[in-house]
């Protein structure tokens, strides 16, 4: 069984995967607060995130859902239920 967590080595691999998939990478400043985002573009699509791992996540969402990537009511329900249960479990451990 493999276990992966966010770390610099995985971030480096994420950059490599994006390049291998044909994405050009650049950094842009966003707004007055100077937030910097990585932009991955393949000429047809552009994905922006704070890290290459975030961009790979966005790419996975797009590949799974396409242009209609927006969450359904059921998606929102399951996410809320998950977090509610997680916070309730944490409260019991205190």
PDB file of N, CA and C in Angstrom:
ATOM      1  N   UNK A   1       0.854  -1.179   0.000  1.00  0.00           N
ATOM      2  CA  UNK A   1       0.000   0.000   0.000  1.00  0.00           C
ATOM      3  C   UNK A   1       0.897   1.238   0.000  1.00  0.00           C
ATOM      4  N   UNK A   2       0.563   2.192  -0.842  1.00  0.00           N
ATOM      5  CA  UNK A   2       1.311   3.448  -0.896  1.00  0.00           C
ATOM      6  C   UNK A   2       0.569   4.504  -0.089  1.00  0.00           C
ATOM      7  N   UNK A   3       1.317   5.345   0.584  1.00  0.00           N
ATOM      8  CA  UNK A   3       0.753   6.491   1.302  1.00  0.00           C
ATOM      9  C   UNK A   3       1.500   7.728   0.832  1.00  0.00           C
ATOM     10  N   UNK A   4       0.769   8.701   0.311  1.00  0.00           N
ATOM     11  CA  UNK A   4       1.357   9.962  -0.141  1.00  0.00           C
ATOM     12  C   UNK A   4       0.784  11.101   0.670  1.00  0.00           C
ATOM     13  N   UNK A   5       1.610  12.047   0.988  1.00  0.00           N
ATOM     14  CA  UNK A   5       1.186  13.273   1.660  1.00  0.00           C
ATOM     15  C   UNK A   5       1.810  14.446   0.926  1.00  0.00           C
ATOM     16  N   UNK A   6       1.240  15.613   1.114  1.00  0.00           N
ATOM     17  CA  UNK A   6       1.822  16.788   0.487  1.00  0.00           C
ATOM     18  C   UNK A   6       3.202  17.042   1.085  1.00  0.00           C
ATOM     19  N   UNK A   7       4.176  17.204   0.239  1.00  0.00           N
ATOM     20  CA  UNK A   7       5.553  17.458   0.639  1.00  0.00           C
ATOM     21  C   UNK A   7       6.293  18.007  -0.577  1.00  0.00           C
ATOM     22  N   UNK A   8       7.469  18.571  -0.345  1.00  0.00           N
ATOM     23  CA  UNK A   8       8.231  19.153  -1.452  1.00  0.00           C
ATOM     24  C   UNK A   8       8.538  18.141  -2.548  1.00  0.00           C
ATOM     25  N   UNK A   9       8.832  16.902  -2.169  1.00  0.00           N
ATOM     26  CA  UNK A   9       9.174  15.926  -3.199  1.00  0.00           C
ATOM     27  C   UNK A   9       7.961  15.602  -4.065  1.00  0.00           C
ATOM     28  N   UNK A  10       6.791  15.537  -3.473  1.00  0.00           N
ATOM     29  CA  UNK A  10       5.580  15.275  -4.254  1.00  0.00           C
ATOM     30  C   UNK A  10       5.232  16.500  -5.095  1.00  0.00           C
ATOM     31  N   UNK A  11       5.449  17.685  -4.565  1.00  0.00           N
ATOM     32  CA  UNK A  11       5.211  18.912  -5.329  1.00  0.00           C
ATOM     33  C   UNK A  11       6.109  18.943  -6.571  1.00  0.00           C
ATOM     34  N   UNK A  12       7.353  18.536  -6.420  1.00  0.00           N
ATOM     35  CA  UNK A  12       8.269  18.473  -7.555  1.00  0.00           C
ATOM     36  C   UNK A  12       7.776  17.476  -8.601  1.00  0.00           C
ATOM     37  N   UNK A  13       7.295  16.338  -8.143  1.00  0.00           N
ATOM     38  CA  UNK A  13       6.738  15.345  -9.064  1.00  0.00           C
ATOM     39  C   UNK A  13       5.505  15.897  -9.767  1.00  0.00           C
ATOM     40  N   UNK A  14       4.671  16.650  -9.059  1.00  0.00           N
ATOM     41  CA  UNK A  14       3.483  17.249  -9.666  1.00  0.00           C
ATOM     42  C   UNK A  14       3.871  18.205 -10.790  1.00  0.00           C
ATOM     43  N   UNK A  15       4.919  19.013 -10.568  1.00  0.00           N
ATOM     44  CA  UNK A  15       5.415  19.885 -11.640  1.00  0.00           C
ATOM     45  C   UNK A  15       5.819  19.051 -12.849  1.00  0.00           C
ATOM     46  N   UNK A  16       6.536  17.974 -12.603  1.00  0.00           N
ATOM     47  CA  UNK A  16       6.998  17.114 -13.698  1.00  0.00           C
ATOM     48  C   UNK A  16       5.819  16.516 -14.453  1.00  0.00           C
ATOM     49  N   UNK A  17       4.803  16.062 -13.732  1.00  0.00           N
ATOM     50  CA  UNK A  17       3.624  15.462 -14.372  1.00  0.00           C
ATOM     51  C   UNK A  17       2.924  16.490 -15.253  1.00  0.00           C
ATOM     52  N   UNK A  18       2.782  17.707 -14.771  1.00  0.00           N
ATOM     53  CA  UNK A  18       2.140  18.746 -15.587  1.00  0.00           C
ATOM     54  C   UNK A  18       2.934  19.012 -16.866  1.00  0.00           C
ATOM     55  N   UNK A  19       4.251  19.093 -16.736  1.00  0.00           N
ATOM     56  CA  UNK A  19       5.077  19.294 -17.927  1.00  0.00           C
ATOM     57  C   UNK A  19       4.960  18.110 -18.882  1.00  0.00           C
ATOM     58  N   UNK A  20       4.956  16.882 -18.329  1.00  0.00           N
ATOM     59  CA  UNK A  20       4.828  15.684 -19.161  1.00  0.00           C
ATOM     60  C   UNK A  20       3.496  15.654 -19.902  1.00  0.00           C
ATOM     61  N   UNK A  21       2.479  16.261 -19.317  1.00  0.00           N
ATOM     62  CA  UNK A  21       1.157  16.310 -19.956  1.00  0.00           C
ATOM     63  C   UNK A  21       1.025  17.483 -20.921  1.00  0.00           C
ATOM     64  N   UNK A  22       2.117  18.196 -21.154  1.00  0.00           N
ATOM     65  CA  UNK A  22       2.124  19.256 -22.159  1.00  0.00           C
ATOM     66  C   UNK A  22       1.743  20.626 -21.663  1.00  0.00           C
ATOM     67  N   UNK A  23       1.745  20.852 -20.370  1.00  0.00           N
ATOM     68  CA  UNK A  23       1.379  22.159 -19.837  1.00  0.00           C
ATOM     69  C   UNK A  23       2.597  23.061 -19.719  1.00  0.00           C
ATOM     70  N   UNK A  24       2.416  24.313 -20.121  1.00  0.00           N
ATOM     71  CA  UNK A  24       3.403  25.357 -19.873  1.00  0.00           C
ATOM     72  C   UNK A  24       3.074  25.951 -18.516  1.00  0.00           C
ATOM     73  N   UNK A  25       4.086  26.194 -17.708  1.00  0.00           N
ATOM     74  CA  UNK A  25       3.877  26.720 -16.358  1.00  0.00           C
ATOM     75  C   UNK A  25       4.482  28.110 -16.248  1.00  0.00           C
ATOM     76  N   UNK A  26       3.755  28.998 -15.574  1.00  0.00           N
ATOM     77  CA  UNK A  26       4.262  30.330 -15.287  1.00  0.00           C
ATOM     78  C   UNK A  26       3.630  30.820 -13.985  1.00  0.00           C
ATOM     79  N   UNK A  27       4.174  31.886 -13.441  1.00  0.00           N
ATOM     80  CA  UNK A  27       3.645  32.472 -12.208  1.00  0.00           C
ATOM     81  C   UNK A  27       3.089  33.850 -12.540  1.00  0.00           C
ATOM     82  N   UNK A  28       1.924  34.176 -11.980  1.00  0.00           N
ATOM     83  CA  UNK A  28       1.321  35.495 -12.164  1.00  0.00           C
ATOM     84  C   UNK A  28       0.980  36.086 -10.804  1.00  0.00           C
ATOM     85  N   UNK A  29       1.054  37.422 -10.714  1.00  0.00           N
ATOM     86  CA  UNK A  29       0.613  38.142  -9.521  1.00  0.00           C
ATOM     87  C   UNK A  29      -0.863  38.447  -9.672  1.00  0.00           C
ATOM     88  N   UNK A  30      -1.596  38.247  -8.611  1.00  0.00           N
ATOM     89  CA  UNK A  30      -3.040  38.483  -8.638  1.00  0.00           C
ATOM     90  C   UNK A  30      -3.400  39.602  -7.669  1.00  0.00           C
ATOM     91  N   UNK A  31      -3.848  40.718  -8.181  1.00  0.00           N
ATOM     92  CA  UNK A  31      -4.387  41.774  -7.356  1.00  0.00           C
ATOM     93  C   UNK A  31      -3.373  42.537  -6.526  1.00  0.00           C
ATOM     94  N   UNK A  32      -3.929  43.451  -5.726  1.00  0.00           N
ATOM     95  CA  UNK A  32      -3.117  44.359  -4.925  1.00  0.00           C
ATOM     96  C   UNK A  32      -2.371  43.643  -3.804  1.00  0.00           C
ATOM     97  N   UNK A  33      -2.898  42.515  -3.340  1.00  0.00           N
ATOM     98  CA  UNK A  33      -2.236  41.816  -2.233  1.00  0.00           C
ATOM     99  C   UNK A  33      -1.054  40.975  -2.698  1.00  0.00           C
ATOM    100  N   UNK A  34      -0.786  40.999  -4.002  1.00  0.00           N
ATOM    101  CA  UNK A  34       0.366  40.312  -4.593  1.00  0.00           C
ATOM    102  C   UNK A  34       0.345  38.804  -4.390  1.00  0.00           C
ATOM    103  N   UNK A  35      -0.841  38.226  -4.289  1.00  0.00           N
ATOM    104  CA  UNK A  35      -0.946  36.779  -4.255  1.00  0.00           C
ATOM    105  C   UNK A  35      -0.395  36.239  -5.563  1.00  0.00           C
ATOM    106  N   UNK A  36       0.455  35.245  -5.462  1.00  0.00           N
ATOM    107  CA  UNK A  36       1.049  34.659  -6.671  1.00  0.00           C
ATOM    108  C   UNK A  36       0.418  33.306  -6.924  1.00  0.00           C
ATOM    109  N   UNK A  37       0.059  33.071  -8.168  1.00  0.00           N
ATOM    110  CA  UNK A  37      -0.529  31.805  -8.571  1.00  0.00           C
ATOM    111  C   UNK A  37       0.299  31.175  -9.675  1.00  0.00           C
ATOM    112  N   UNK A  38       0.346  29.865  -9.671  1.00  0.00           N
ATOM    113  CA  UNK A  38       0.944  29.125 -10.773  1.00  0.00           C
ATOM    114  C   UNK A  38      -0.140  28.935 -11.821  1.00  0.00           C
ATOM    115  N   UNK A  39       0.184  29.175 -13.057  1.00  0.00           N
ATOM    116  CA  UNK A  39      -0.744  28.983 -14.163  1.00  0.00           C
ATOM    117  C   UNK A  39      -0.200  27.870 -15.049  1.00  0.00           C
ATOM    118  N   UNK A  40      -1.020  26.879 -15.298  1.00  0.00           N
ATOM    119  CA  UNK A  40      -0.669  25.783 -16.205  1.00  0.00           C
ATOM    120  C   UNK A  40      -1.588  25.884 -17.410  1.00  0.00           C
ATOM    121  N   UNK A  41      -1.003  25.993 -18.590  1.00  0.00           N
ATOM    122  CA  UNK A  41      -1.783  26.168 -19.812  1.00  0.00           C
ATOM    123  C   UNK A  41      -1.299  25.181 -20.869  1.00  0.00           C
ATOM    124  N   UNK A  42      -2.274  24.612 -21.588  1.00  0.00           N
ATOM    125  CA  UNK A  42      -1.923  23.708 -22.692  1.00  0.00           C
ATOM    126  C   UNK A  42      -2.400  24.257 -24.032  1.00  0.00           C
ATOM    127  N   UNK A  43      -2.761  25.522 -24.061  1.00  0.00           N
ATOM    128  CA  UNK A  43      -3.246  26.144 -25.291  1.00  0.00           C
ATOM    129  C   UNK A  43      -4.761  26.099 -25.424  1.00  0.00           C
ATOM    130  N   UNK A  44      -5.405  25.099 -24.821  1.00  0.00           N
ATOM    131  CA  UNK A  44      -6.871  24.989 -24.848  1.00  0.00           C
ATOM    132  C   UNK A  44      -7.485  25.292 -23.492  1.00  0.00           C
ATOM    133  N   UNK A  45      -6.742  24.986 -22.439  1.00  0.00           N
ATOM    134  CA  UNK A  45      -7.242  25.141 -21.081  1.00  0.00           C
ATOM    135  C   UNK A  45      -6.194  25.815 -20.203  1.00  0.00           C
ATOM    136  N   UNK A  46      -6.680  26.468 -19.159  1.00  0.00           N
ATOM    137  CA  UNK A  46      -5.784  27.108 -18.201  1.00  0.00           C
ATOM    138  C   UNK A  46      -6.272  26.780 -16.805  1.00  0.00           C
ATOM    139  N   UNK A  47      -5.365  26.329 -15.968  1.00  0.00           N
ATOM    140  CA  UNK A  47      -5.671  25.987 -14.584  1.00  0.00           C
ATOM    141  C   UNK A  47      -4.756  26.815 -13.692  1.00  0.00           C
ATOM    142  N   UNK A  48      -5.314  27.373 -12.602  1.00  0.00           N
ATOM    143  CA  UNK A  48      -4.549  28.222 -11.692  1.00  0.00           C
ATOM    144  C   UNK A  48      -4.653  27.692 -10.276  1.00  0.00           C
ATOM    145  N   UNK A  49      -3.535  27.731  -9.576  1.00  0.00           N
ATOM    146  CA  UNK A  49      -3.530  27.291  -8.186  1.00  0.00           C
ATOM    147  C   UNK A  49      -2.287  27.779  -7.469  1.00  0.00           C
ATOM    148  N   UNK A  50      -2.259  27.556  -6.159  1.00  0.00           N
ATOM    149  CA  UNK A  50      -1.113  27.954  -5.347  1.00  0.00           C
ATOM    150  C   UNK A  50       0.026  26.948  -5.424  1.00  0.00           C
ATOM    151  N   UNK A  51      -0.241  25.769  -5.954  1.00  0.00           N
ATOM    152  CA  UNK A  51       0.787  24.738  -6.061  1.00  0.00           C
ATOM    153  C   UNK A  51       0.493  23.844  -7.256  1.00  0.00           C
ATOM    154  N   UNK A  52       1.511  23.102  -7.668  1.00  0.00           N
ATOM    155  CA  UNK A  52       1.308  22.143  -8.756  1.00  0.00           C
ATOM    156  C   UNK A  52       0.328  21.048  -8.332  1.00  0.00           C
ATOM    157  N   UNK A  53       0.339  20.674  -7.052  1.00  0.00           N
ATOM    158  CA  UNK A  53      -0.613  19.672  -6.568  1.00  0.00           C
ATOM    159  C   UNK A  53      -2.055  20.176  -6.683  1.00  0.00           C
ATOM    160  N   UNK A  54      -2.273  21.442  -6.358  1.00  0.00           N
ATOM    161  CA  UNK A  54      -3.616  22.016  -6.525  1.00  0.00           C
ATOM    162  C   UNK A  54      -4.038  21.967  -7.985  1.00  0.00           C
ATOM    163  N   UNK A  55      -3.122  22.312  -8.869  1.00  0.00           N
ATOM    164  CA  UNK A  55      -3.446  22.316 -10.296  1.00  0.00           C
ATOM    165  C   UNK A  55      -3.768  20.908 -10.778  1.00  0.00           C
ATOM    166  N   UNK A  56      -3.012  19.913 -10.322  1.00  0.00           N
ATOM    167  CA  UNK A  56      -3.338  18.530 -10.694  1.00  0.00           C
ATOM    168  C   UNK A  56      -4.723  18.147 -10.185  1.00  0.00           C
ATOM    169  N   UNK A  57      -5.083  18.632  -9.007  1.00  0.00           N
ATOM    170  CA  UNK A  57      -6.434  18.393  -8.495  1.00  0.00           C
ATOM    171  C   UNK A  57      -7.495  19.023  -9.380  1.00  0.00           C
ATOM    172  N   UNK A  58      -7.250  20.257  -9.819  1.00  0.00           N
ATOM    173  CA  UNK A  58      -8.186  20.922 -10.731  1.00  0.00           C
ATOM    174  C   UNK A  58      -8.289  20.168 -12.048  1.00  0.00           C
ATOM    175  N   UNK A  59      -7.149  19.708 -12.530  1.00  0.00           N
ATOM    176  CA  UNK A  59      -7.139  18.933 -13.761  1.00  0.00           C
ATOM    177  C   UNK A  59      -7.943  17.645 -13.599  1.00  0.00           C
ATOM    178  N   UNK A  60      -7.801  16.984 -12.459  1.00  0.00           N
ATOM    179  CA  UNK A  60      -8.569  15.757 -12.196  1.00  0.00           C
ATOM    180  C   UNK A  60     -10.069  16.043 -12.158  1.00  0.00           C
ATOM    181  N   UNK A  61     -10.459  17.172 -11.550  1.00  0.00           N
ATOM    182  CA  UNK A  61     -11.880  17.558 -11.526  1.00  0.00           C
ATOM    183  C   UNK A  61     -12.385  17.770 -12.943  1.00  0.00           C
ATOM    184  N   UNK A  62     -11.615  18.493 -13.752  1.00  0.00           N
ATOM    185  CA  UNK A  62     -12.021  18.750 -15.128  1.00  0.00           C
ATOM    186  C   UNK A  62     -12.113  17.450 -15.927  1.00  0.00           C
ATOM    187  N   UNK A  63     -11.138  16.567 -15.760  1.00  0.00           N
ATOM    188  CA  UNK A  63     -11.150  15.303 -16.491  1.00  0.00           C
ATOM    189  C   UNK A  63     -12.327  14.423 -16.065  1.00  0.00           C
ATOM    190  N   UNK A  64     -12.700  14.485 -14.806  1.00  0.00           N
ATOM    191  CA  UNK A  64     -13.816  13.669 -14.309  1.00  0.00           C
ATOM    192  C   UNK A  64     -15.176  14.246 -14.696  1.00  0.00           C
ATOM    193  N   UNK A  65     -15.301  15.589 -14.686  1.00  0.00           N
ATOM    194  CA  UNK A  65     -16.599  16.219 -14.883  1.00  0.00           C
ATOM    195  C   UNK A  65     -16.724  17.042 -16.153  1.00  0.00           C
ATOM    196  N   UNK A  66     -15.620  17.403 -16.763  1.00  0.00           N
ATOM    197  CA  UNK A  66     -15.673  18.210 -17.979  1.00  0.00           C
ATOM    198  C   UNK A  66     -16.149  19.623 -17.721  1.00  0.00           C
ATOM    199  N   UNK A  67     -16.751  20.213 -18.744  1.00  0.00           N
ATOM    200  CA  UNK A  67     -17.223  21.597 -18.663  1.00  0.00           C
ATOM    201  C   UNK A  67     -18.286  21.775 -17.580  1.00  0.00           C
ATOM    202  N   UNK A  68     -18.994  20.726 -17.263  1.00  0.00           N
ATOM    203  CA  UNK A  68     -20.036  20.772 -16.228  1.00  0.00           C
ATOM    204  C   UNK A  68     -19.466  20.265 -14.904  1.00  0.00           C
ATOM    205  N   UNK A  69     -18.416  20.926 -14.419  1.00  0.00           N
ATOM    206  CA  UNK A  69     -17.693  20.486 -13.232  1.00  0.00           C
ATOM    207  C   UNK A  69     -18.357  20.897 -11.919  1.00  0.00           C
ATOM    208  N   UNK A  70     -19.349  21.763 -11.988  1.00  0.00           N
ATOM    209  CA  UNK A  70     -19.959  22.310 -10.764  1.00  0.00           C
ATOM    210  C   UNK A  70     -20.562  21.210  -9.890  1.00  0.00           C
ATOM    211  N   UNK A  71     -20.498  21.377  -8.550  1.00  0.00           N
ATOM    212  CA  UNK A  71     -21.046  20.352  -7.657  1.00  0.00           C
ATOM    213  C   UNK A  71     -22.565  20.280  -7.741  1.00  0.00           C
ATOM    214  N   UNK A  72     -23.076  19.082  -7.582  1.00  0.00           N
ATOM    215  CA  UNK A  72     -24.526  18.881  -7.517  1.00  0.00           C
ATOM    216  C   UNK A  72     -24.986  19.102  -6.080  1.00  0.00           C
ATOM    217  N   UNK A  73     -26.277  19.158  -5.898  1.00  0.00           N
ATOM    218  CA  UNK A  73     -26.828  19.247  -4.535  1.00  0.00           C
ATOM    219  C   UNK A  73     -26.372  18.044  -3.708  1.00  0.00           C
ATOM    220  N   UNK A  74     -26.352  16.876  -4.336  1.00  0.00           N
ATOM    221  CA  UNK A  74     -25.911  15.664  -3.642  1.00  0.00           C
ATOM    222  C   UNK A  74     -24.438  15.766  -3.244  1.00  0.00           C
ATOM    223  N   UNK A  75     -23.608  16.309  -4.129  1.00  0.00           N
ATOM    224  CA  UNK A  75     -22.193  16.514  -3.799  1.00  0.00           C
ATOM    225  C   UNK A  75     -22.049  17.395  -2.559  1.00  0.00           C
ATOM    226  N   UNK A  76     -22.803  18.486  -2.536  1.00  0.00           N
ATOM    227  CA  UNK A  76     -22.727  19.412  -1.406  1.00  0.00           C
ATOM    228  C   UNK A  76     -23.215  18.753  -0.122  1.00  0.00           C
ATOM    229  N   UNK A  77     -24.272  17.964  -0.235  1.00  0.00           N
ATOM    230  CA  UNK A  77     -24.806  17.252   0.927  1.00  0.00           C
ATOM    231  C   UNK A  77     -23.757  16.306   1.520  1.00  0.00           C
ATOM    232  N   UNK A  78     -23.101  15.521   0.664  1.00  0.00           N
ATOM    233  CA  UNK A  78     -22.110  14.556   1.148  1.00  0.00           C
ATOM    234  C   UNK A  78     -20.903  15.259   1.765  1.00  0.00           C
ATOM    235  N   UNK A  79     -20.491  16.372   1.188  1.00  0.00           N
ATOM    236  CA  UNK A  79     -19.356  17.115   1.752  1.00  0.00           C
ATOM    237  C   UNK A  79     -19.713  17.675   3.121  1.00  0.00           C
ATOM    238  N   UNK A  80     -20.890  18.269   3.238  1.00  0.00           N
ATOM    239  CA  UNK A  80     -21.334  18.815   4.520  1.00  0.00           C
ATOM    240  C   UNK A  80     -21.450  17.714   5.561  1.00  0.00           C
ATOM    241  N   UNK A  81     -22.033  16.599   5.171  1.00  0.00           N
ATOM    242  CA  UNK A  81     -22.187  15.461   6.079  1.00  0.00           C
ATOM    243  C   UNK A  81     -20.820  14.953   6.546  1.00  0.00           C
ATOM    244  N   UNK A  82     -19.866  14.855   5.638  1.00  0.00           N
ATOM    245  CA  UNK A  82     -18.513  14.411   5.970  1.00  0.00           C
ATOM    246  C   UNK A  82     -17.879  15.323   7.013  1.00  0.00           C
ATOM    247  N   UNK A  83     -17.920  16.647   6.755  1.00  0.00           N
ATOM    248  CA  UNK A  83     -17.280  17.580   7.680  1.00  0.00           C
ATOM    249  C   UNK A  83     -18.016  17.653   9.002  1.00  0.00           C
ATOM    250  N   UNK A  84     -19.334  17.617   8.981  1.00  0.00           N
ATOM    251  CA  UNK A  84     -20.089  17.612  10.237  1.00  0.00           C
ATOM    252  C   UNK A  84     -19.703  16.418  11.090  1.00  0.00           C
ATOM    253  N   UNK A  85     -19.607  15.255  10.467  1.00  0.00           N
ATOM    254  CA  UNK A  85     -19.218  14.046  11.200  1.00  0.00           C
ATOM    255  C   UNK A  85     -17.784  14.158  11.701  1.00  0.00           C
ATOM    256  N   UNK A  86     -16.912  14.731  10.913  1.00  0.00           N
ATOM    257  CA  UNK A  86     -15.511  14.887  11.316  1.00  0.00           C
ATOM    258  C   UNK A  86     -15.380  15.801  12.523  1.00  0.00           C
ATOM    259  N   UNK A  87     -16.096  16.921  12.520  1.00  0.00           N
ATOM    260  CA  UNK A  87     -16.028  17.841  13.654  1.00  0.00           C
ATOM    261  C   UNK A  87     -16.666  17.229  14.887  1.00  0.00           C
ATOM    262  N   UNK A  88     -17.744  16.503  14.716  1.00  0.00           N
ATOM    263  CA  UNK A  88     -18.378  15.851  15.860  1.00  0.00           C
ATOM    264  C   UNK A  88     -17.472  14.796  16.464  1.00  0.00           C
ATOM    265  N   UNK A  89     -16.746  14.034  15.633  1.00  0.00           N
ATOM    266  CA  UNK A  89     -15.802  13.048  16.147  1.00  0.00           C
ATOM    267  C   UNK A  89     -14.676  13.723  16.901  1.00  0.00           C
ATOM    268  N   UNK A  90     -14.206  14.871  16.431  1.00  0.00           N
ATOM    269  CA  UNK A  90     -13.137  15.606  17.099  1.00  0.00           C
ATOM    270  C   UNK A  90     -13.612  16.100  18.455  1.00  0.00           C
ATOM    271  N   UNK A  91     -14.871  16.596  18.504  1.00  0.00           N
ATOM    272  CA  UNK A  91     -15.409  17.095  19.777  1.00  0.00           C
ATOM    273  C   UNK A  91     -15.473  15.982  20.814  1.00  0.00           C
ATOM    274  N   UNK A  92     -15.787  14.768  20.403  1.00  0.00           N
ATOM    275  CA  UNK A  92     -15.879  13.651  21.344  1.00  0.00           C
ATOM    276  C   UNK A  92     -14.522  13.256  21.894  1.00  0.00           C
ATOM    277  N   UNK A  93     -13.468  13.473  21.115  1.00  0.00           N
ATOM    278  CA  UNK A  93     -12.126  13.088  21.564  1.00  0.00           C
ATOM    279  C   UNK A  93     -11.558  14.056  22.586  1.00  0.00           C
ATOM    280  N   UNK A  94     -12.133  15.241  22.704  1.00  0.00           N
ATOM    281  CA  UNK A  94     -11.591  16.261  23.616  1.00  0.00           C
ATOM    282  C   UNK A  94     -11.927  15.989  25.048  1.00  0.00           C
TER     283      UNK A  94
END
